[in-house]
């Protein structure tokens, strides 16, 4: 039986773009309202819900567990724009479910 949870949060980034894998000290911890059953595989999907800043805020996830996940903005390079990693406040929606 699948289990689904969802939520939203406000995020910004005052940090430069993170390029070192596994370095998560600038990530925000999100805790699920109800932990998923131990031993289940959890999938998390995130979507930026607003358009407050001119650059595209790429979203990075890390350490998805049955209790929560870590998330941060990592601005996307492209279109002649050099992203610095910093981004204004946006609303991010998330959905987590078991597979």
PDB file of N, CA and C in Angstrom:
ATOM      1  N   UNK A   1       0.841  -1.186   0.000  1.00  0.00           N
ATOM      2  CA  UNK A   1       0.000   0.000   0.000  1.00  0.00           C
ATOM      3  C   UNK A   1       0.882   1.243   0.000  1.00  0.00           C
ATOM      4  N   UNK A   2       0.607   2.164  -0.892  1.00  0.00           N
ATOM      5  CA  UNK A   2       1.379   3.404  -0.989  1.00  0.00           C
ATOM      6  C   UNK A   2       0.940   4.396   0.072  1.00  0.00           C
ATOM      7  N   UNK A   3       1.866   5.237   0.450  1.00  0.00           N
ATOM      8  CA  UNK A   3       1.596   6.312   1.391  1.00  0.00           C
ATOM      9  C   UNK A   3       2.070   7.600   0.733  1.00  0.00           C
ATOM     10  N   UNK A   4       1.284   8.671   0.821  1.00  0.00           N
ATOM     11  CA  UNK A   4       1.632   9.943   0.194  1.00  0.00           C
ATOM     12  C   UNK A   4       1.507  11.061   1.215  1.00  0.00           C
ATOM     13  N   UNK A   5       2.482  11.975   1.192  1.00  0.00           N
ATOM     14  CA  UNK A   5       2.440  13.184   2.004  1.00  0.00           C
ATOM     15  C   UNK A   5       2.881  14.345   1.126  1.00  0.00           C
ATOM     16  N   UNK A   6       2.436  15.542   1.458  1.00  0.00           N
ATOM     17  CA  UNK A   6       2.842  16.713   0.687  1.00  0.00           C
ATOM     18  C   UNK A   6       2.932  17.917   1.605  1.00  0.00           C
ATOM     19  N   UNK A   7       3.572  18.948   1.102  1.00  0.00           N
ATOM     20  CA  UNK A   7       3.708  20.166   1.875  1.00  0.00           C
ATOM     21  C   UNK A   7       4.328  21.258   1.033  1.00  0.00           C
ATOM     22  N   UNK A   8       4.525  22.408   1.650  1.00  0.00           N
ATOM     23  CA  UNK A   8       5.202  23.508   0.968  1.00  0.00           C
ATOM     24  C   UNK A   8       6.059  24.246   1.977  1.00  0.00           C
ATOM     25  N   UNK A   9       7.060  24.931   1.467  1.00  0.00           N
ATOM     26  CA  UNK A   9       7.940  25.704   2.310  1.00  0.00           C
ATOM     27  C   UNK A   9       8.416  26.920   1.545  1.00  0.00           C
ATOM     28  N   UNK A  10       8.873  27.914   2.262  1.00  0.00           N
ATOM     29  CA  UNK A  10       9.498  29.062   1.622  1.00  0.00           C
ATOM     30  C   UNK A  10      10.995  28.895   1.763  1.00  0.00           C
ATOM     31  N   UNK A  11      11.695  29.176   0.661  1.00  0.00           N
ATOM     32  CA  UNK A  11      13.152  29.008   0.639  1.00  0.00           C
ATOM     33  C   UNK A  11      13.785  30.197  -0.046  1.00  0.00           C
ATOM     34  N   UNK A  12      15.014  30.473   0.335  1.00  0.00           N
ATOM     35  CA  UNK A  12      15.864  31.398  -0.395  1.00  0.00           C
ATOM     36  C   UNK A  12      17.272  30.840  -0.314  1.00  0.00           C
ATOM     37  N   UNK A  13      18.201  31.503  -0.948  1.00  0.00           N
ATOM     38  CA  UNK A  13      19.587  31.066  -0.873  1.00  0.00           C
ATOM     39  C   UNK A  13      20.481  32.282  -0.796  1.00  0.00           C
ATOM     40  N   UNK A  14      21.233  32.374   0.274  1.00  0.00           N
ATOM     41  CA  UNK A  14      22.216  33.450   0.412  1.00  0.00           C
ATOM     42  C   UNK A  14      23.623  32.897   0.223  1.00  0.00           C
ATOM     43  N   UNK A  15      23.726  31.644  -0.226  1.00  0.00           N
ATOM     44  CA  UNK A  15      25.013  30.959  -0.380  1.00  0.00           C
ATOM     45  C   UNK A  15      25.375  30.820  -1.851  1.00  0.00           C
ATOM     46  N   UNK A  16      26.671  30.714  -2.107  1.00  0.00           N
ATOM     47  CA  UNK A  16      27.121  30.500  -3.474  1.00  0.00           C
ATOM     48  C   UNK A  16      26.711  29.109  -3.933  1.00  0.00           C
ATOM     49  N   UNK A  17      26.783  28.871  -5.242  1.00  0.00           N
ATOM     50  CA  UNK A  17      26.429  27.581  -5.810  1.00  0.00           C
ATOM     51  C   UNK A  17      27.278  26.489  -5.187  1.00  0.00           C
ATOM     52  N   UNK A  18      26.645  25.406  -4.757  1.00  0.00           N
ATOM     53  CA  UNK A  18      27.361  24.278  -4.163  1.00  0.00           C
ATOM     54  C   UNK A  18      27.738  23.296  -5.259  1.00  0.00           C
ATOM     55  N   UNK A  19      29.030  22.993  -5.360  1.00  0.00           N
ATOM     56  CA  UNK A  19      29.507  22.091  -6.409  1.00  0.00           C
ATOM     57  C   UNK A  19      30.166  20.841  -5.853  1.00  0.00           C
ATOM     58  N   UNK A  20      30.289  20.741  -4.545  1.00  0.00           N
ATOM     59  CA  UNK A  20      30.932  19.585  -3.921  1.00  0.00           C
ATOM     60  C   UNK A  20      29.864  18.596  -3.467  1.00  0.00           C
ATOM     61  N   UNK A  21      29.847  17.401  -4.081  1.00  0.00           N
ATOM     62  CA  UNK A  21      28.872  16.384  -3.735  1.00  0.00           C
ATOM     63  C   UNK A  21      28.917  16.011  -2.267  1.00  0.00           C
ATOM     64  N   UNK A  22      27.750  15.877  -1.655  1.00  0.00           N
ATOM     65  CA  UNK A  22      27.661  15.472  -0.258  1.00  0.00           C
ATOM     66  C   UNK A  22      27.823  16.597   0.741  1.00  0.00           C
ATOM     67  N   UNK A  23      28.192  17.812   0.309  1.00  0.00           N
ATOM     68  CA  UNK A  23      28.359  18.947   1.229  1.00  0.00           C
ATOM     69  C   UNK A  23      26.988  19.584   1.428  1.00  0.00           C
ATOM     70  N   UNK A  24      26.388  19.352   2.578  1.00  0.00           N
ATOM     71  CA  UNK A  24      24.992  19.750   2.784  1.00  0.00           C
ATOM     72  C   UNK A  24      24.783  20.774   3.903  1.00  0.00           C
ATOM     73  N   UNK A  25      25.829  21.465   4.326  1.00  0.00           N
ATOM     74  CA  UNK A  25      25.656  22.414   5.432  1.00  0.00           C
ATOM     75  C   UNK A  25      24.799  23.621   5.054  1.00  0.00           C
ATOM     76  N   UNK A  26      24.559  23.871   3.757  1.00  0.00           N
ATOM     77  CA  UNK A  26      23.689  24.975   3.341  1.00  0.00           C
ATOM     78  C   UNK A  26      22.289  24.485   2.947  1.00  0.00           C
ATOM     79  N   UNK A  27      22.004  23.212   3.164  1.00  0.00           N
ATOM     80  CA  UNK A  27      20.690  22.652   2.852  1.00  0.00           C
ATOM     81  C   UNK A  27      19.724  22.883   4.012  1.00  0.00           C
ATOM     82  N   UNK A  28      18.436  22.909   3.696  1.00  0.00           N
ATOM     83  CA  UNK A  28      17.379  23.033   4.707  1.00  0.00           C
ATOM     84  C   UNK A  28      16.800  21.651   4.968  1.00  0.00           C
ATOM     85  N   UNK A  29      16.643  21.290   6.234  1.00  0.00           N
ATOM     86  CA  UNK A  29      16.057  20.005   6.607  1.00  0.00           C
ATOM     87  C   UNK A  29      14.540  20.107   6.612  1.00  0.00           C
ATOM     88  N   UNK A  30      13.890  19.178   5.934  1.00  0.00           N
ATOM     89  CA  UNK A  30      12.431  19.077   5.941  1.00  0.00           C
ATOM     90  C   UNK A  30      12.081  17.755   6.621  1.00  0.00           C
ATOM     91  N   UNK A  31      11.212  17.808   7.615  1.00  0.00           N
ATOM     92  CA  UNK A  31      10.789  16.611   8.337  1.00  0.00           C
ATOM     93  C   UNK A  31       9.344  16.309   7.957  1.00  0.00           C
ATOM     94  N   UNK A  32       9.082  15.060   7.579  1.00  0.00           N
ATOM     95  CA  UNK A  32       7.718  14.681   7.219  1.00  0.00           C
ATOM     96  C   UNK A  32       6.803  14.798   8.438  1.00  0.00           C
ATOM     97  N   UNK A  33       5.541  15.209   8.241  1.00  0.00           N
ATOM     98  CA  UNK A  33       4.603  15.274   9.363  1.00  0.00           C
ATOM     99  C   UNK A  33       4.456  13.917  10.063  1.00  0.00           C
ATOM    100  N   UNK A  34       4.456  12.842   9.275  1.00  0.00           N
ATOM    101  CA  UNK A  34       4.385  11.480   9.804  1.00  0.00           C
ATOM    102  C   UNK A  34       5.499  10.676   9.144  1.00  0.00           C
ATOM    103  N   UNK A  35       6.404  10.069   9.900  1.00  0.00           N
ATOM    104  CA  UNK A  35       7.457   9.261   9.266  1.00  0.00           C
ATOM    105  C   UNK A  35       6.847   8.121   8.448  1.00  0.00           C
ATOM    106  N   UNK A  36       7.476   7.817   7.327  1.00  0.00           N
ATOM    107  CA  UNK A  36       7.061   6.658   6.534  1.00  0.00           C
ATOM    108  C   UNK A  36       7.522   5.401   7.261  1.00  0.00           C
ATOM    109  N   UNK A  37       6.893   4.258   6.991  1.00  0.00           N
ATOM    110  CA  UNK A  37       7.319   3.018   7.661  1.00  0.00           C
ATOM    111  C   UNK A  37       8.797   2.720   7.405  1.00  0.00           C
ATOM    112  N   UNK A  38       9.467   2.245   8.422  1.00  0.00           N
ATOM    113  CA  UNK A  38      10.882   1.888   8.317  1.00  0.00           C
ATOM    114  C   UNK A  38      11.075   0.837   7.223  1.00  0.00           C
ATOM    115  N   UNK A  39      12.134   0.997   6.436  1.00  0.00           N
ATOM    116  CA  UNK A  39      12.450   0.047   5.395  1.00  0.00           C
ATOM    117  C   UNK A  39      11.772   0.300   4.059  1.00  0.00           C
ATOM    118  N   UNK A  40      10.923   1.333   3.968  1.00  0.00           N
ATOM    119  CA  UNK A  40      10.277   1.631   2.688  1.00  0.00           C
ATOM    120  C   UNK A  40      11.160   2.552   1.858  1.00  0.00           C
ATOM    121  N   UNK A  41      11.008   2.465   0.540  1.00  0.00           N
ATOM    122  CA  UNK A  41      11.695   3.386  -0.366  1.00  0.00           C
ATOM    123  C   UNK A  41      10.815   4.609  -0.550  1.00  0.00           C
ATOM    124  N   UNK A  42      11.382   5.791  -0.272  1.00  0.00           N
ATOM    125  CA  UNK A  42      10.635   7.041  -0.349  1.00  0.00           C
ATOM    126  C   UNK A  42      11.149   7.859  -1.523  1.00  0.00           C
ATOM    127  N   UNK A  43      10.229   8.387  -2.317  1.00  0.00           N
ATOM    128  CA  UNK A  43      10.555   9.263  -3.438  1.00  0.00           C
ATOM    129  C   UNK A  43      10.020  10.654  -3.097  1.00  0.00           C
ATOM    130  N   UNK A  44      10.843  11.689  -3.338  1.00  0.00           N
ATOM    131  CA  UNK A  44      10.428  13.073  -3.093  1.00  0.00           C
ATOM    132  C   UNK A  44      10.521  13.836  -4.410  1.00  0.00           C
ATOM    133  N   UNK A  45       9.477  14.588  -4.721  1.00  0.00           N
ATOM    134  CA  UNK A  45       9.471  15.475  -5.878  1.00  0.00           C
ATOM    135  C   UNK A  45       9.209  16.885  -5.393  1.00  0.00           C
ATOM    136  N   UNK A  46       9.947  17.851  -5.935  1.00  0.00           N
ATOM    137  CA  UNK A  46       9.781  19.255  -5.545  1.00  0.00           C
ATOM    138  C   UNK A  46       9.558  20.110  -6.785  1.00  0.00           C
ATOM    139  N   UNK A  47       8.773  21.168  -6.616  1.00  0.00           N
ATOM    140  CA  UNK A  47       8.492  22.096  -7.701  1.00  0.00           C
ATOM    141  C   UNK A  47       8.442  23.511  -7.137  1.00  0.00           C
ATOM    142  N   UNK A  48       9.133  24.432  -7.786  1.00  0.00           N
ATOM    143  CA  UNK A  48       9.073  25.840  -7.394  1.00  0.00           C
ATOM    144  C   UNK A  48       7.714  26.373  -7.843  1.00  0.00           C
ATOM    145  N   UNK A  49       6.974  26.973  -6.913  1.00  0.00           N
ATOM    146  CA  UNK A  49       5.603  27.399  -7.152  1.00  0.00           C
ATOM    147  C   UNK A  49       5.476  28.872  -7.530  1.00  0.00           C
ATOM    148  N   UNK A  50       6.553  29.653  -7.358  1.00  0.00           N
ATOM    149  CA  UNK A  50       6.492  31.096  -7.592  1.00  0.00           C
ATOM    150  C   UNK A  50       7.599  31.517  -8.551  1.00  0.00           C
ATOM    151  N   UNK A  51       7.557  32.784  -8.977  1.00  0.00           N
ATOM    152  CA  UNK A  51       8.531  33.340  -9.914  1.00  0.00           C
ATOM    153  C   UNK A  51       8.909  34.728  -9.404  1.00  0.00           C
ATOM    154  N   UNK A  52       9.655  34.769  -8.287  1.00  0.00           N
ATOM    155  CA  UNK A  52      10.006  36.034  -7.656  1.00  0.00           C
ATOM    156  C   UNK A  52      11.380  36.556  -8.067  1.00  0.00           C
ATOM    157  N   UNK A  53      12.262  35.686  -8.511  1.00  0.00           N
ATOM    158  CA  UNK A  53      13.602  36.102  -8.918  1.00  0.00           C
ATOM    159  C   UNK A  53      13.811  35.840 -10.394  1.00  0.00           C
ATOM    160  N   UNK A  54      14.698  36.611 -11.054  1.00  0.00           N
ATOM    161  CA  UNK A  54      14.877  36.474 -12.499  1.00  0.00           C
ATOM    162  C   UNK A  54      15.619  35.204 -12.926  1.00  0.00           C
ATOM    163  N   UNK A  55      16.508  34.674 -12.092  1.00  0.00           N
ATOM    164  CA  UNK A  55      17.249  33.472 -12.458  1.00  0.00           C
ATOM    165  C   UNK A  55      16.441  32.229 -12.087  1.00  0.00           C
ATOM    166  N   UNK A  56      16.739  31.122 -12.762  1.00  0.00           N
ATOM    167  CA  UNK A  56      16.027  29.871 -12.504  1.00  0.00           C
ATOM    168  C   UNK A  56      16.621  29.174 -11.285  1.00  0.00           C
ATOM    169  N   UNK A  57      15.820  28.929 -10.237  1.00  0.00           N
ATOM    170  CA  UNK A  57      16.341  28.264  -9.045  1.00  0.00           C
ATOM    171  C   UNK A  57      16.295  26.738  -9.188  1.00  0.00           C
ATOM    172  N   UNK A  58      17.416  26.137  -9.520  1.00  0.00           N
ATOM    173  CA  UNK A  58      17.477  24.681  -9.521  1.00  0.00           C
ATOM    174  C   UNK A  58      17.342  24.187  -8.094  1.00  0.00           C
ATOM    175  N   UNK A  59      16.693  23.059  -7.914  1.00  0.00           N
ATOM    176  CA  UNK A  59      16.477  22.515  -6.577  1.00  0.00           C
ATOM    177  C   UNK A  59      17.281  21.230  -6.435  1.00  0.00           C
ATOM    178  N   UNK A  60      18.067  21.132  -5.362  1.00  0.00           N
ATOM    179  CA  UNK A  60      18.868  19.938  -5.079  1.00  0.00           C
ATOM    180  C   UNK A  60      18.295  19.254  -3.849  1.00  0.00           C
ATOM    181  N   UNK A  61      18.197  17.925  -3.894  1.00  0.00           N
ATOM    182  CA  UNK A  61      17.755  17.111  -2.756  1.00  0.00           C
ATOM    183  C   UNK A  61      18.909  16.254  -2.288  1.00  0.00           C
ATOM    184  N   UNK A  62      18.887  15.911  -1.008  1.00  0.00           N
ATOM    185  CA  UNK A  62      19.905  15.019  -0.458  1.00  0.00           C
ATOM    186  C   UNK A  62      19.328  14.328   0.776  1.00  0.00           C
ATOM    187  N   UNK A  63      19.847  13.153   1.072  1.00  0.00           N
ATOM    188  CA  UNK A  63      19.494  12.394   2.270  1.00  0.00           C
ATOM    189  C   UNK A  63      17.982  12.204   2.429  1.00  0.00           C
ATOM    190  N   UNK A  64      17.342  11.672   1.411  1.00  0.00           N
ATOM    191  CA  UNK A  64      15.921  11.328   1.518  1.00  0.00           C
ATOM    192  C   UNK A  64      15.825  10.066   2.361  1.00  0.00           C
ATOM    193  N   UNK A  65      15.090  10.141   3.461  1.00  0.00           N
ATOM    194  CA  UNK A  65      14.894   9.000   4.355  1.00  0.00           C
ATOM    195  C   UNK A  65      13.405   8.837   4.629  1.00  0.00           C
ATOM    196  N   UNK A  66      13.060   7.901   5.477  1.00  0.00           N
ATOM    197  CA  UNK A  66      11.652   7.734   5.846  1.00  0.00           C
ATOM    198  C   UNK A  66      11.177   8.847   6.789  1.00  0.00           C
ATOM    199  N   UNK A  67      12.103   9.685   7.280  1.00  0.00           N
ATOM    200  CA  UNK A  67      11.744  10.763   8.210  1.00  0.00           C
ATOM    201  C   UNK A  67      11.754  12.149   7.580  1.00  0.00           C
ATOM    202  N   UNK A  68      12.433  12.300   6.415  1.00  0.00           N
ATOM    203  CA  UNK A  68      12.491  13.614   5.786  1.00  0.00           C
ATOM    204  C   UNK A  68      13.559  13.682   4.716  1.00  0.00           C
ATOM    205  N   UNK A  69      13.952  14.914   4.369  1.00  0.00           N
ATOM    206  CA  UNK A  69      14.946  15.125   3.324  1.00  0.00           C
ATOM    207  C   UNK A  69      15.595  16.492   3.503  1.00  0.00           C
ATOM    208  N   UNK A  70      16.709  16.706   2.810  1.00  0.00           N
ATOM    209  CA  UNK A  70      17.380  18.007   2.780  1.00  0.00           C
ATOM    210  C   UNK A  70      17.206  18.598   1.392  1.00  0.00           C
ATOM    211  N   UNK A  71      17.071  19.928   1.326  1.00  0.00           N
ATOM    212  CA  UNK A  71      16.811  20.604   0.064  1.00  0.00           C
ATOM    213  C   UNK A  71      17.506  21.972   0.058  1.00  0.00           C
ATOM    214  N   UNK A  72      17.893  22.432  -1.126  1.00  0.00           N
ATOM    215  CA  UNK A  72      18.424  23.792  -1.285  1.00  0.00           C
ATOM    216  C   UNK A  72      18.278  24.232  -2.728  1.00  0.00           C
ATOM    217  N   UNK A  73      18.350  25.544  -2.939  1.00  0.00           N
ATOM    218  CA  UNK A  73      18.427  26.094  -4.288  1.00  0.00           C
ATOM    219  C   UNK A  73      19.861  26.017  -4.760  1.00  0.00           C
ATOM    220  N   UNK A  74      20.061  25.746  -6.029  1.00  0.00           N
ATOM    221  CA  UNK A  74      21.350  25.812  -6.692  1.00  0.00           C
ATOM    222  C   UNK A  74      21.041  26.400  -8.063  1.00  0.00           C
ATOM    223  N   UNK A  75      21.162  27.726  -8.205  1.00  0.00           N
ATOM    224  CA  UNK A  75      20.749  28.367  -9.447  1.00  0.00           C
ATOM    225  C   UNK A  75      21.337  27.688 -10.671  1.00  0.00           C
ATOM    226  N   UNK A  76      20.554  27.658 -11.722  1.00  0.00           N
ATOM    227  CA  UNK A  76      20.936  27.000 -12.966  1.00  0.00           C
ATOM    228  C   UNK A  76      21.658  27.990 -13.870  1.00  0.00           C
ATOM    229  N   UNK A  77      22.781  27.545 -14.422  1.00  0.00           N
ATOM    230  CA  UNK A  77      23.517  28.346 -15.392  1.00  0.00           C
ATOM    231  C   UNK A  77      22.875  28.192 -16.755  1.00  0.00           C
ATOM    232  N   UNK A  78      22.986  29.196 -17.599  1.00  0.00           N
ATOM    233  CA  UNK A  78      22.514  29.058 -18.974  1.00  0.00           C
ATOM    234  C   UNK A  78      21.898  30.335 -19.494  1.00  0.00           C
ATOM    235  N   UNK A  79      21.719  30.378 -20.793  1.00  0.00           N
ATOM    236  CA  UNK A  79      21.110  31.535 -21.427  1.00  0.00           C
ATOM    237  C   UNK A  79      21.899  32.808 -21.257  1.00  0.00           C
ATOM    238  N   UNK A  80      23.215  32.681 -21.121  1.00  0.00           N
ATOM    239  CA  UNK A  80      24.059  33.855 -20.947  1.00  0.00           C
ATOM    240  C   UNK A  80      24.102  34.366 -19.517  1.00  0.00           C
ATOM    241  N   UNK A  81      23.406  33.709 -18.614  1.00  0.00           N
ATOM    242  CA  UNK A  81      23.372  34.124 -17.207  1.00  0.00           C
ATOM    243  C   UNK A  81      24.365  33.282 -16.419  1.00  0.00           C
ATOM    244  N   UNK A  82      25.228  33.948 -15.661  1.00  0.00           N
ATOM    245  CA  UNK A  82      26.142  33.247 -14.772  1.00  0.00           C
ATOM    246  C   UNK A  82      25.515  33.243 -13.391  1.00  0.00           C
ATOM    247  N   UNK A  83      25.046  32.099 -12.965  1.00  0.00           N
ATOM    248  CA  UNK A  83      24.373  31.993 -11.669  1.00  0.00           C
ATOM    249  C   UNK A  83      25.386  32.023 -10.542  1.00  0.00           C
ATOM    250  N   UNK A  84      25.066  32.741  -9.484  1.00  0.00           N
ATOM    251  CA  UNK A  84      25.956  32.823  -8.323  1.00  0.00           C
ATOM    252  C   UNK A  84      25.469  31.965  -7.166  1.00  0.00           C
ATOM    253  N   UNK A  85      24.335  31.286  -7.338  1.00  0.00           N
ATOM    254  CA  UNK A  85      23.794  30.427  -6.285  1.00  0.00           C
ATOM    255  C   UNK A  85      22.828  31.135  -5.374  1.00  0.00           C
ATOM    256  N   UNK A  86      22.893  32.459  -5.323  1.00  0.00           N
ATOM    257  CA  UNK A  86      22.007  33.219  -4.444  1.00  0.00           C
ATOM    258  C   UNK A  86      20.662  33.417  -5.122  1.00  0.00           C
ATOM    259  N   UNK A  87      19.596  33.325  -4.328  1.00  0.00           N
ATOM    260  CA  UNK A  87      18.260  33.476  -4.902  1.00  0.00           C
ATOM    261  C   UNK A  87      17.292  34.032  -3.865  1.00  0.00           C
ATOM    262  N   UNK A  88      16.367  34.834  -4.337  1.00  0.00           N
ATOM    263  CA  UNK A  88      15.359  35.424  -3.467  1.00  0.00           C
ATOM    264  C   UNK A  88      14.371  34.362  -2.971  1.00  0.00           C
ATOM    265  N   UNK A  89      13.469  34.740  -2.107  1.00  0.00           N
ATOM    266  CA  UNK A  89      12.509  33.811  -1.513  1.00  0.00           C
ATOM    267  C   UNK A  89      11.482  33.339  -2.540  1.00  0.00           C
ATOM    268  N   UNK A  90      11.285  32.018  -2.573  1.00  0.00           N
ATOM    269  CA  UNK A  90      10.289  31.381  -3.437  1.00  0.00           C
ATOM    270  C   UNK A  90       9.526  30.358  -2.595  1.00  0.00           C
ATOM    271  N   UNK A  91       8.341  29.993  -3.061  1.00  0.00           N
ATOM    272  CA  UNK A  91       7.568  28.930  -2.438  1.00  0.00           C
ATOM    273  C   UNK A  91       7.854  27.634  -3.191  1.00  0.00           C
ATOM    274  N   UNK A  92       8.151  26.573  -2.450  1.00  0.00           N
ATOM    275  CA  UNK A  92       8.459  25.266  -3.029  1.00  0.00           C
ATOM    276  C   UNK A  92       7.446  24.258  -2.506  1.00  0.00           C
ATOM    277  N   UNK A  93       6.802  23.546  -3.422  1.00  0.00           N
ATOM    278  CA  UNK A  93       5.892  22.467  -3.035  1.00  0.00           C
ATOM    279  C   UNK A  93       6.614  21.139  -3.125  1.00  0.00           C
ATOM    280  N   UNK A  94       6.271  20.217  -2.240  1.00  0.00           N
ATOM    281  CA  UNK A  94       6.906  18.884  -2.284  1.00  0.00           C
ATOM    282  C   UNK A  94       5.851  17.804  -2.084  1.00  0.00           C
ATOM    283  N   UNK A  95       6.119  16.670  -2.711  1.00  0.00           N
ATOM    284  CA  UNK A  95       5.303  15.484  -2.548  1.00  0.00           C
ATOM    285  C   UNK A  95       6.240  14.329  -2.274  1.00  0.00           C
ATOM    286  N   UNK A  96       5.926  13.514  -1.281  1.00  0.00           N
ATOM    287  CA  UNK A  96       6.729  12.335  -0.941  1.00  0.00           C
ATOM    288  C   UNK A  96       5.806  11.138  -0.913  1.00  0.00           C
ATOM    289  N   UNK A  97       6.305  10.029  -1.444  1.00  0.00           N
ATOM    290  CA  UNK A  97       5.488   8.813  -1.453  1.00  0.00           C
ATOM    291  C   UNK A  97       6.371   7.597  -1.452  1.00  0.00           C
ATOM    292  N   UNK A  98       5.780   6.462  -1.085  1.00  0.00           N
ATOM    293  CA  UNK A  98       6.516   5.201  -1.076  1.00  0.00           C
ATOM    294  C   UNK A  98       6.306   4.496  -2.404  1.00  0.00           C
ATOM    295  N   UNK A  99       7.321   3.705  -2.778  1.00  0.00           N
ATOM    296  CA  UNK A  99       7.222   2.922  -4.015  1.00  0.00           C
ATOM    297  C   UNK A  99       7.437   1.466  -3.709  1.00  0.00           C
TER     298      UNK A  99
END
